[in-house]
Protein backbone atom coordinates (compact mmCIF):
# COMPACT_ATOMS: atom_id res chain seq x y z
CA UNK A 1 -36.80 -82.64 -11.76
CA UNK A 2 -40.06 -82.32 -9.82
CA UNK A 3 -43.37 -83.60 -11.16
CA UNK A 4 -46.79 -82.89 -9.73
CA UNK A 5 -49.89 -84.78 -10.79
CA UNK A 6 -53.48 -84.12 -9.74
CA UNK A 7 -56.18 -86.77 -9.37
CA UNK A 8 -59.39 -84.94 -8.63
CA UNK A 9 -58.66 -82.66 -5.65
CA UNK A 10 -55.56 -84.56 -4.49
CA UNK A 11 -52.04 -83.57 -5.52
CA UNK A 12 -49.04 -85.91 -5.54
CA UNK A 13 -45.41 -84.78 -5.61
CA UNK A 14 -42.82 -86.97 -7.31
CA UNK A 15 -39.10 -86.23 -7.36
CA UNK A 16 -37.69 -88.16 -10.32
CA UNK A 17 -34.06 -89.05 -10.87
CA UNK A 18 -34.32 -92.14 -13.09
CA UNK A 19 -37.34 -92.60 -15.32
CA UNK A 20 -38.82 -95.67 -17.00
CA UNK A 21 -41.67 -95.50 -19.48
CA UNK A 22 -43.85 -98.06 -17.70
CA UNK A 23 -43.50 -96.34 -14.33
CA UNK A 24 -44.17 -92.87 -15.69
CA UNK A 25 -47.18 -93.79 -17.80
CA UNK A 26 -48.62 -95.62 -14.77
CA UNK A 27 -48.11 -92.49 -12.65
CA UNK A 28 -49.85 -90.34 -15.25
CA UNK A 29 -52.84 -92.66 -15.66
CA UNK A 30 -56.14 -90.84 -15.05
CA UNK A 31 -54.33 -87.63 -14.02
CA UNK A 32 -56.35 -84.49 -14.78
CA UNK A 33 -53.33 -82.17 -14.49
CA UNK A 34 -49.59 -82.70 -14.80
CA UNK A 35 -47.15 -79.97 -13.77
CA UNK A 36 -43.43 -80.35 -14.43
CA UNK A 37 -40.65 -78.12 -13.12
CA UNK A 38 -37.38 -79.15 -14.72
CA UNK A 39 -33.90 -77.66 -14.84
CA UNK A 40 -32.13 -79.54 -17.61
CA UNK A 41 -32.65 -82.18 -20.27
CA UNK A 42 -31.04 -85.58 -19.83
CA UNK A 43 -31.36 -88.84 -21.74
CA UNK A 44 -33.80 -90.16 -19.15
CA UNK A 45 -36.22 -87.37 -19.92
CA UNK A 46 -36.85 -88.80 -23.37
CA UNK A 47 -38.94 -91.32 -21.46
CA UNK A 48 -40.90 -88.49 -19.87
CA UNK A 49 -41.49 -86.80 -23.21
CA UNK A 50 -42.86 -89.99 -24.74
CA UNK A 51 -45.06 -90.71 -21.71
CA UNK A 52 -46.51 -87.20 -21.79
CA UNK A 53 -47.46 -87.59 -25.43
CA UNK A 54 -49.08 -90.97 -24.75
CA UNK A 55 -51.14 -89.96 -21.69
CA UNK A 56 -54.86 -89.11 -21.85
CA UNK A 57 -55.73 -86.47 -24.45
CA UNK A 58 -57.76 -84.31 -22.06
CA UNK A 59 -54.93 -84.14 -19.50
CA UNK A 60 -53.77 -80.58 -18.83
CA UNK A 61 -49.99 -80.34 -19.08
CA UNK A 62 -47.91 -77.43 -17.80
CA UNK A 63 -44.12 -77.37 -18.23
CA UNK A 64 -41.83 -74.79 -16.62
CA UNK A 65 -38.25 -74.95 -17.81
CA UNK A 66 -35.19 -72.81 -18.47
CA UNK A 67 -34.09 -75.09 -21.34
CA UNK A 68 -36.51 -74.28 -24.17
CA UNK A 69 -35.12 -76.18 -27.14
CA UNK A 70 -36.13 -79.83 -26.61
CA UNK A 71 -39.47 -78.99 -25.02
CA UNK A 72 -40.43 -76.58 -27.80
CA UNK A 73 -39.54 -79.08 -30.51
CA UNK A 74 -41.50 -81.86 -28.81
CA UNK A 75 -44.50 -79.86 -27.65
CA UNK A 76 -44.62 -77.20 -30.34
CA UNK A 77 -47.76 -75.35 -31.40
CA UNK A 78 -48.32 -77.62 -34.41
CA UNK A 79 -48.48 -80.78 -32.34
CA UNK A 80 -50.72 -79.16 -29.70
CA UNK A 81 -53.19 -78.00 -32.37
CA UNK A 82 -53.18 -81.36 -34.15
CA UNK A 83 -53.77 -83.38 -30.98
CA UNK A 84 -56.10 -80.77 -29.50
CA UNK A 85 -54.13 -81.01 -26.27
CA UNK A 86 -54.15 -78.43 -23.50
CA UNK A 87 -50.38 -77.87 -23.29
CA UNK A 88 -48.78 -74.80 -21.70
CA UNK A 89 -45.03 -74.25 -22.06
CA UNK A 90 -43.30 -71.66 -19.90
CA UNK A 91 -39.70 -70.84 -20.69
CA UNK A 92 -38.11 -68.90 -17.87
CA UNK A 93 -35.41 -68.88 -15.23
CA UNK A 94 -38.02 -70.13 -12.80
CA UNK A 95 -35.57 -71.82 -10.46
CA UNK A 96 -33.49 -68.66 -10.01
CA UNK A 97 -36.62 -66.65 -9.31
CA UNK A 98 -37.88 -69.13 -6.73
CA UNK A 99 -34.52 -69.19 -4.94
CA UNK A 100 -34.30 -65.38 -5.05
CA UNK A 101 -37.75 -65.00 -3.50
CA UNK A 102 -36.93 -67.61 -0.86
CA UNK A 103 -33.65 -65.82 -0.06
CA UNK A 104 -35.57 -62.61 0.63
CA UNK A 105 -37.75 -64.31 3.21
CA UNK A 106 -40.86 -65.22 1.23
CA UNK A 107 -42.55 -68.38 2.47
CA UNK A 108 -43.15 -71.34 0.17
CA UNK A 109 -46.87 -70.51 0.20
CA UNK A 110 -46.18 -66.90 -0.81
CA UNK A 111 -43.94 -68.08 -3.65
CA UNK A 112 -46.59 -70.56 -4.77
CA UNK A 113 -49.19 -67.79 -4.88
CA UNK A 114 -46.79 -65.50 -6.76
CA UNK A 115 -46.08 -68.12 -9.45
CA UNK A 116 -49.81 -68.67 -9.84
CA UNK A 117 -50.53 -64.94 -10.21
CA UNK A 118 -47.64 -64.08 -12.54
CA UNK A 119 -47.10 -67.25 -14.59
CA UNK A 120 -50.33 -69.14 -14.05
CA UNK A 121 -48.28 -72.06 -12.70
CA UNK A 122 -50.09 -74.11 -10.06
CA UNK A 123 -47.01 -75.13 -8.03
CA UNK A 124 -47.80 -76.17 -4.47
CA UNK A 125 -45.84 -75.08 -1.40
CA UNK A 126 -44.47 -78.62 -1.12
CA UNK A 127 -43.22 -78.47 -4.70
CA UNK A 128 -41.48 -75.14 -3.97
CA UNK A 129 -39.86 -76.74 -0.91
CA UNK A 130 -38.53 -79.55 -3.11
CA UNK A 131 -37.06 -76.96 -5.47
CA UNK A 132 -35.24 -75.12 -2.68
CA UNK A 133 -33.88 -78.44 -1.35
CA UNK A 134 -31.71 -78.63 -4.47
CA UNK A 135 -29.54 -75.86 -3.00
CA UNK A 136 -28.46 -77.96 0.02
CA UNK A 137 -25.57 -79.83 -1.69
CA UNK A 138 -24.27 -76.49 -3.00
CA UNK A 139 -24.56 -74.95 0.47
CA UNK A 140 -22.69 -77.88 2.05
CA UNK A 141 -19.95 -77.57 -0.55
CA UNK A 142 -19.64 -73.84 0.22
CA UNK A 143 -19.45 -74.58 3.95
CA UNK A 144 -16.50 -76.93 3.38
CA UNK A 145 -14.59 -74.89 0.80
CA UNK A 146 -10.89 -74.07 1.35
CA UNK A 147 -10.19 -70.70 3.00
CA UNK A 148 -7.38 -68.15 2.76
CA UNK A 149 -4.12 -68.93 4.54
CA UNK A 150 -4.19 -65.70 6.56
CA UNK A 151 -6.84 -63.19 7.63
CA UNK A 152 -6.25 -59.69 8.93
CA UNK A 153 -9.38 -59.62 11.11
CA UNK A 154 -12.04 -62.21 11.91
CA UNK A 155 -15.35 -61.29 13.57
CA UNK A 156 -17.20 -64.02 15.47
CA UNK A 157 -20.71 -63.96 16.87
CA UNK A 158 -23.79 -66.17 17.20
CA UNK A 159 -27.43 -65.63 16.25
CA UNK A 160 -30.26 -67.76 17.64
CA UNK A 161 -33.24 -69.53 16.01
CA UNK A 162 -35.90 -72.03 17.02
CA UNK A 163 -35.74 -75.51 15.46
CA UNK A 164 -37.89 -78.63 15.87
CA UNK A 165 -35.95 -81.54 17.37
CA UNK A 166 -37.32 -84.81 18.78
CA UNK A 167 -40.90 -83.50 18.71
CA UNK A 168 -40.05 -80.36 20.67
CA UNK A 169 -38.90 -76.85 19.90
CA UNK A 170 -35.34 -75.98 20.93
CA UNK A 171 -33.34 -72.79 20.67
CA UNK A 172 -30.19 -73.23 18.63
CA UNK A 173 -27.23 -70.97 18.02
CA UNK A 174 -25.88 -70.37 14.53
CA UNK A 175 -22.17 -69.61 14.85
CA UNK A 176 -21.08 -67.05 12.26
CA UNK A 177 -17.53 -66.04 11.31
CA UNK A 178 -16.71 -63.18 8.93
CA UNK A 179 -13.13 -62.62 7.82
CA UNK A 180 -11.38 -59.57 6.38
CA UNK A 181 -8.74 -60.82 3.96
CA UNK A 182 -5.36 -59.16 3.56
CA UNK A 183 -6.64 -57.57 0.34
CA UNK A 184 -9.32 -55.76 2.36
CA UNK A 185 -12.32 -57.73 1.13
CA UNK A 186 -14.77 -59.51 3.42
CA UNK A 187 -16.17 -63.00 3.21
CA UNK A 188 -18.30 -65.24 5.40
CA UNK A 189 -16.08 -68.10 6.53
CA UNK A 190 -19.00 -70.27 7.52
CA UNK A 191 -22.24 -70.71 9.48
CA UNK A 192 -22.53 -73.59 11.92
CA UNK A 193 -25.82 -74.72 13.49
CA UNK A 194 -25.18 -75.92 17.04
CA UNK A 195 -26.68 -75.97 20.53
CA UNK A 196 -26.56 -73.10 23.00
CA UNK A 197 -23.62 -70.75 22.44
CA UNK A 198 -20.54 -71.98 24.30
CA UNK A 199 -16.77 -71.64 24.15
CA UNK A 200 -16.53 -75.42 23.70
CA UNK A 201 -18.52 -75.30 20.45
CA UNK A 202 -16.55 -72.26 19.28
CA UNK A 203 -13.41 -74.36 19.79
CA UNK A 204 -14.73 -76.94 17.31
CA UNK A 205 -15.59 -74.13 14.86
CA UNK A 206 -12.08 -72.70 15.14
CA UNK A 207 -10.53 -76.13 14.58
CA UNK A 208 -12.64 -76.57 11.45
CA UNK A 209 -11.53 -73.16 10.18
CA UNK A 210 -7.92 -74.21 10.73
CA UNK A 211 -8.48 -77.55 8.99
CA UNK A 212 -9.84 -75.69 5.97
CA UNK A 213 -6.48 -74.01 5.42
CA UNK A 214 -6.30 -70.99 7.75
CA UNK A 215 -2.82 -70.76 9.24
CA UNK A 216 -2.92 -67.40 11.00
CA UNK A 217 -5.36 -64.70 12.13
CA UNK A 218 -3.96 -61.32 13.20
CA UNK A 219 -6.92 -59.97 15.23
CA UNK A 220 -10.15 -61.62 16.38
CA UNK A 221 -13.08 -59.42 17.41
CA UNK A 222 -15.58 -61.18 19.70
CA UNK A 223 -18.32 -60.56 22.26
CA UNK A 224 -18.00 -61.21 25.99
CA UNK A 225 -18.66 -64.96 26.06
CA UNK A 226 -16.80 -66.61 28.93
CA UNK A 227 -13.86 -68.73 27.80
CA UNK A 228 -13.94 -67.43 24.23
CA UNK A 229 -10.39 -66.05 24.41
CA UNK A 230 -8.98 -69.35 25.69
CA UNK A 231 -10.68 -71.23 22.82
CA UNK A 232 -9.17 -68.84 20.26
CA UNK A 233 -5.64 -69.08 21.68
CA UNK A 234 -5.87 -72.87 21.80
CA UNK A 235 -6.12 -72.93 18.00
CA UNK A 236 -4.48 -69.64 16.95
CA UNK A 237 -2.04 -68.81 19.78
CA UNK A 238 -0.65 -65.68 18.10
CA UNK A 239 -4.04 -64.06 17.45
CA UNK A 240 -4.78 -60.85 19.33
CA UNK A 241 -8.26 -60.69 20.85
CA UNK A 242 -10.38 -57.57 20.99
CA UNK A 243 -13.48 -57.85 23.13
CA UNK A 244 -16.40 -55.80 21.80
CA UNK A 245 -16.55 -52.43 23.54
CA UNK A 246 -20.24 -51.95 22.71
CA UNK A 247 -21.13 -55.29 24.37
CA UNK A 248 -19.08 -54.29 27.41
CA UNK A 249 -20.84 -50.91 27.69
CA UNK A 250 -24.25 -52.62 27.49
CA UNK A 251 -23.27 -55.08 30.19
CA UNK A 252 -21.78 -52.51 32.58
CA UNK A 253 -24.79 -50.17 32.34
CA UNK A 254 -27.16 -52.95 33.45
CA UNK A 255 -26.12 -52.23 37.03
CA UNK A 256 -26.58 -48.45 36.82
CA UNK A 257 -29.62 -46.64 38.20
CA UNK A 258 -31.49 -44.61 35.61
CA UNK A 259 -30.88 -41.33 37.44
CA UNK A 260 -27.10 -42.00 37.40
CA UNK A 261 -26.90 -43.30 33.85
CA UNK A 262 -26.11 -40.03 32.08
CA UNK A 263 -23.28 -38.85 34.38
CA UNK A 264 -21.89 -42.40 34.59
CA UNK A 265 -21.77 -42.69 30.80
CA UNK A 266 -20.04 -39.30 30.53
CA UNK A 267 -17.27 -40.58 32.82
CA UNK A 268 -17.12 -43.99 31.15
CA UNK A 269 -16.73 -42.37 27.74
CA UNK A 270 -13.40 -40.95 28.89
CA UNK A 271 -12.19 -44.52 29.33
CA UNK A 272 -13.02 -46.11 25.98
CA UNK A 273 -12.51 -42.90 23.97
CA UNK A 274 -9.03 -42.25 25.36
CA UNK A 275 -6.16 -41.76 22.92
CA UNK A 276 -3.80 -44.13 24.74
CA UNK A 277 -4.07 -47.03 27.17
CA UNK A 278 -2.35 -45.02 29.93
CA UNK A 279 -4.97 -42.26 29.64
CA UNK A 280 -7.70 -44.90 29.60
CA UNK A 281 -6.38 -46.50 32.81
CA UNK A 282 -6.23 -43.08 34.48
CA UNK A 283 -9.84 -42.44 33.46
CA UNK A 284 -10.80 -45.89 34.76
CA UNK A 285 -9.17 -45.09 38.12
CA UNK A 286 -11.19 -41.86 38.28
CA UNK A 287 -14.34 -43.77 37.35
CA UNK A 288 -13.73 -46.31 40.10
CA UNK A 289 -13.04 -43.61 42.67
CA UNK A 290 -16.32 -41.85 41.86
CA UNK A 291 -18.64 -44.81 41.23
CA UNK A 292 -16.81 -47.89 42.55
CA UNK A 293 -18.51 -48.12 45.93
CA UNK A 294 -21.99 -47.67 44.48
CA UNK A 295 -21.54 -49.90 41.39
CA UNK A 296 -18.65 -52.33 42.08
CA UNK A 297 -19.90 -54.99 39.61
CA UNK A 298 -19.90 -52.52 36.73
CA UNK A 299 -16.37 -51.24 37.40
CA UNK A 300 -15.16 -54.77 38.13
CA UNK A 301 -16.28 -55.98 34.71
CA UNK A 302 -13.88 -53.48 33.12
CA UNK A 303 -11.02 -54.35 35.46
CA UNK A 304 -11.40 -58.11 35.07
CA UNK A 305 -11.53 -58.02 31.27
CA UNK A 306 -9.11 -55.16 30.65
CA UNK A 307 -6.52 -57.28 28.82
CA UNK A 308 -8.96 -58.11 26.00
CA UNK A 309 -10.82 -54.79 26.15
CA UNK A 310 -7.69 -52.65 25.72
CA UNK A 311 -6.17 -54.36 22.66
CA UNK A 312 -7.34 -51.64 20.26
CA UNK A 313 -5.43 -48.88 22.10
CA UNK A 314 -2.13 -50.03 20.57
CA UNK A 315 -3.39 -49.45 17.02
CA UNK A 316 -4.02 -46.26 15.01
CA UNK A 317 -7.52 -45.02 14.29
CA UNK A 318 -7.79 -46.88 10.94
CA UNK A 319 -7.55 -50.25 12.72
CA UNK A 320 -9.40 -49.15 15.86
CA UNK A 321 -12.53 -48.35 13.89
CA UNK A 322 -12.54 -51.88 12.45
CA UNK A 323 -11.97 -53.93 15.58
CA UNK A 324 -13.38 -52.11 18.64
CA UNK A 325 -16.87 -53.51 18.07
CA UNK A 326 -18.52 -56.54 16.44
CA UNK A 327 -21.13 -54.29 14.79
CA UNK A 328 -19.94 -55.50 11.38
CA UNK A 329 -21.08 -59.06 12.05
CA UNK A 330 -24.12 -57.92 14.04
CA UNK A 331 -25.33 -56.01 10.99
CA UNK A 332 -25.00 -59.22 8.99
CA UNK A 333 -26.88 -61.18 11.66
CA UNK A 334 -29.60 -58.54 11.56
CA UNK A 335 -30.05 -59.22 7.84
CA UNK A 336 -30.36 -62.94 8.59
CA UNK A 337 -33.07 -62.24 11.19
CA UNK A 338 -34.91 -59.98 8.76
CA UNK A 339 -35.10 -62.77 6.17
CA UNK A 340 -36.08 -65.47 8.65
CA UNK A 341 -38.67 -63.49 10.63
CA UNK A 342 -41.51 -64.99 8.55
CA UNK A 343 -40.57 -68.44 9.85
CA UNK A 344 -40.58 -68.61 13.65
CA UNK A 345 -39.74 -72.35 13.86
CA UNK A 346 -37.68 -74.40 11.40
CA UNK A 347 -38.53 -78.10 10.96
CA UNK A 348 -34.89 -79.25 10.72
CA UNK A 349 -31.32 -77.97 10.94
CA UNK A 350 -31.03 -78.39 7.16
CA UNK A 351 -34.11 -76.22 6.58
CA UNK A 352 -32.55 -73.48 8.73
CA UNK A 353 -29.14 -73.78 7.06
CA UNK A 354 -30.71 -73.72 3.58
CA UNK A 355 -32.49 -70.42 4.26
CA UNK A 356 -29.45 -68.87 5.96
CA UNK A 357 -27.22 -69.83 3.02
CA UNK A 358 -29.56 -68.23 0.50
CA UNK A 359 -29.91 -65.14 2.70
CA UNK A 360 -26.12 -64.95 3.05
CA UNK A 361 -25.60 -65.17 -0.71
CA UNK A 362 -28.14 -62.39 -1.22
CA UNK A 363 -26.64 -60.16 1.49
CA UNK A 364 -23.03 -60.55 0.35
CA UNK A 365 -23.67 -59.59 -3.27
CA UNK A 366 -22.75 -56.02 -2.31
CA UNK A 367 -19.48 -57.04 -0.64
CA UNK A 368 -17.39 -56.11 -3.64
CA UNK A 369 -15.21 -53.29 -2.32
CA UNK A 370 -12.44 -53.09 0.24
CA UNK A 371 -12.62 -51.79 3.80
CA UNK A 372 -12.33 -48.01 4.17
CA UNK A 373 -8.74 -46.70 3.86
CA UNK A 374 -7.49 -50.25 3.51
CA UNK A 375 -4.13 -49.15 2.10
CA UNK A 376 -3.30 -47.29 5.32
CA UNK A 377 -4.70 -50.13 7.43
CA UNK A 378 -2.63 -52.76 5.63
CA UNK A 379 0.49 -50.64 6.01
CA UNK A 380 -0.06 -50.48 9.76
CA UNK A 381 -0.80 -54.21 9.98
CA UNK A 382 2.46 -55.03 8.17
CA UNK A 383 4.37 -52.92 10.69
CA UNK A 384 2.68 -54.37 13.77
CA UNK A 385 2.73 -58.02 12.70
CA UNK A 386 6.07 -58.01 10.88
CA UNK A 387 7.08 -61.39 9.48
CA UNK A 388 3.57 -62.83 9.91
CA UNK A 389 2.49 -60.93 6.76
CA UNK A 390 4.57 -61.63 3.66
CA UNK A 391 4.23 -60.02 0.19
CA UNK A 392 2.92 -63.30 -1.27
CA UNK A 393 0.07 -63.22 1.30
CA UNK A 394 -1.32 -60.05 -0.29
CA UNK A 395 -2.99 -60.64 -3.65
């Protein structure tokens, strides 16, 4: 429960867990306005009810609650008329609305202004921040929930934000993992706020995923971070790694002159669009023969990473379309950036995690269906991975 009292032009925010009559009536003394945002009725709030009725008669009282019964019976129209008190009672799902607006990227000041315009509730930005803080324990519980025993595909990527730390602004990576379960449905495995993106931190993320019940991952789709593959195999040695083809194309074209870009891309397309790995290697040989002397770094990046770049060639088109790029998780990260763009710097890691959790819950509401042609995909996965996928693993 959050209580706001106003003395003249000053506003004071009080977060109350345990209430005593003497403390509350002292807090309310000489207050011109009292605003209460409450989410449930407990035995302690009988104290609050009594104190509100005993405070100064000209005090303006505004109550916003989603539990109408007790408030209506205590501050009904008859009592307000008899005492000539200025009492406003708003019955609404105010908390859900505040969290929904916050999840869509509205700032606490914007939400405060919206509540004032729509409901006439004078809730300050600080009060709104206190309301959204109530989601943190739920978010932490979600982050530590048990996971599935096996995942068909897991996408891993990081998105970066600025956070205040030790009186300075630092850039932090949020490590995101999205899993495709064996029933074809997606879920976010977790979001971890850490330092700069590194394989060492990903190793700790992977260990946490394993500790939360994951025994096996068939395929992991990742970007080109150095050492990422070693970190994955250290925790899930049987997982097959597919390095993102789109990331690799972006990297290799950095070395190409603009006038050569179009013909180079036409030749490169024959490599990653090939039907088999043998045809792809032949196309890569042709690419190196034509462009190798002029752009050795670009061709070398394909040669040096071929083991992880070529994984998708062994699978049929249904699986290829799912794993050849990390676009699936990048689209999710783009939604996170869209929500957080109104806040360039976060005061704490918890403030960042709170907003990302609400944004994630909002974005994943539409994740109700299965991946496209999942029946065919699952059939192929069962053939390729054999005993690693059992009938009891598929719900």
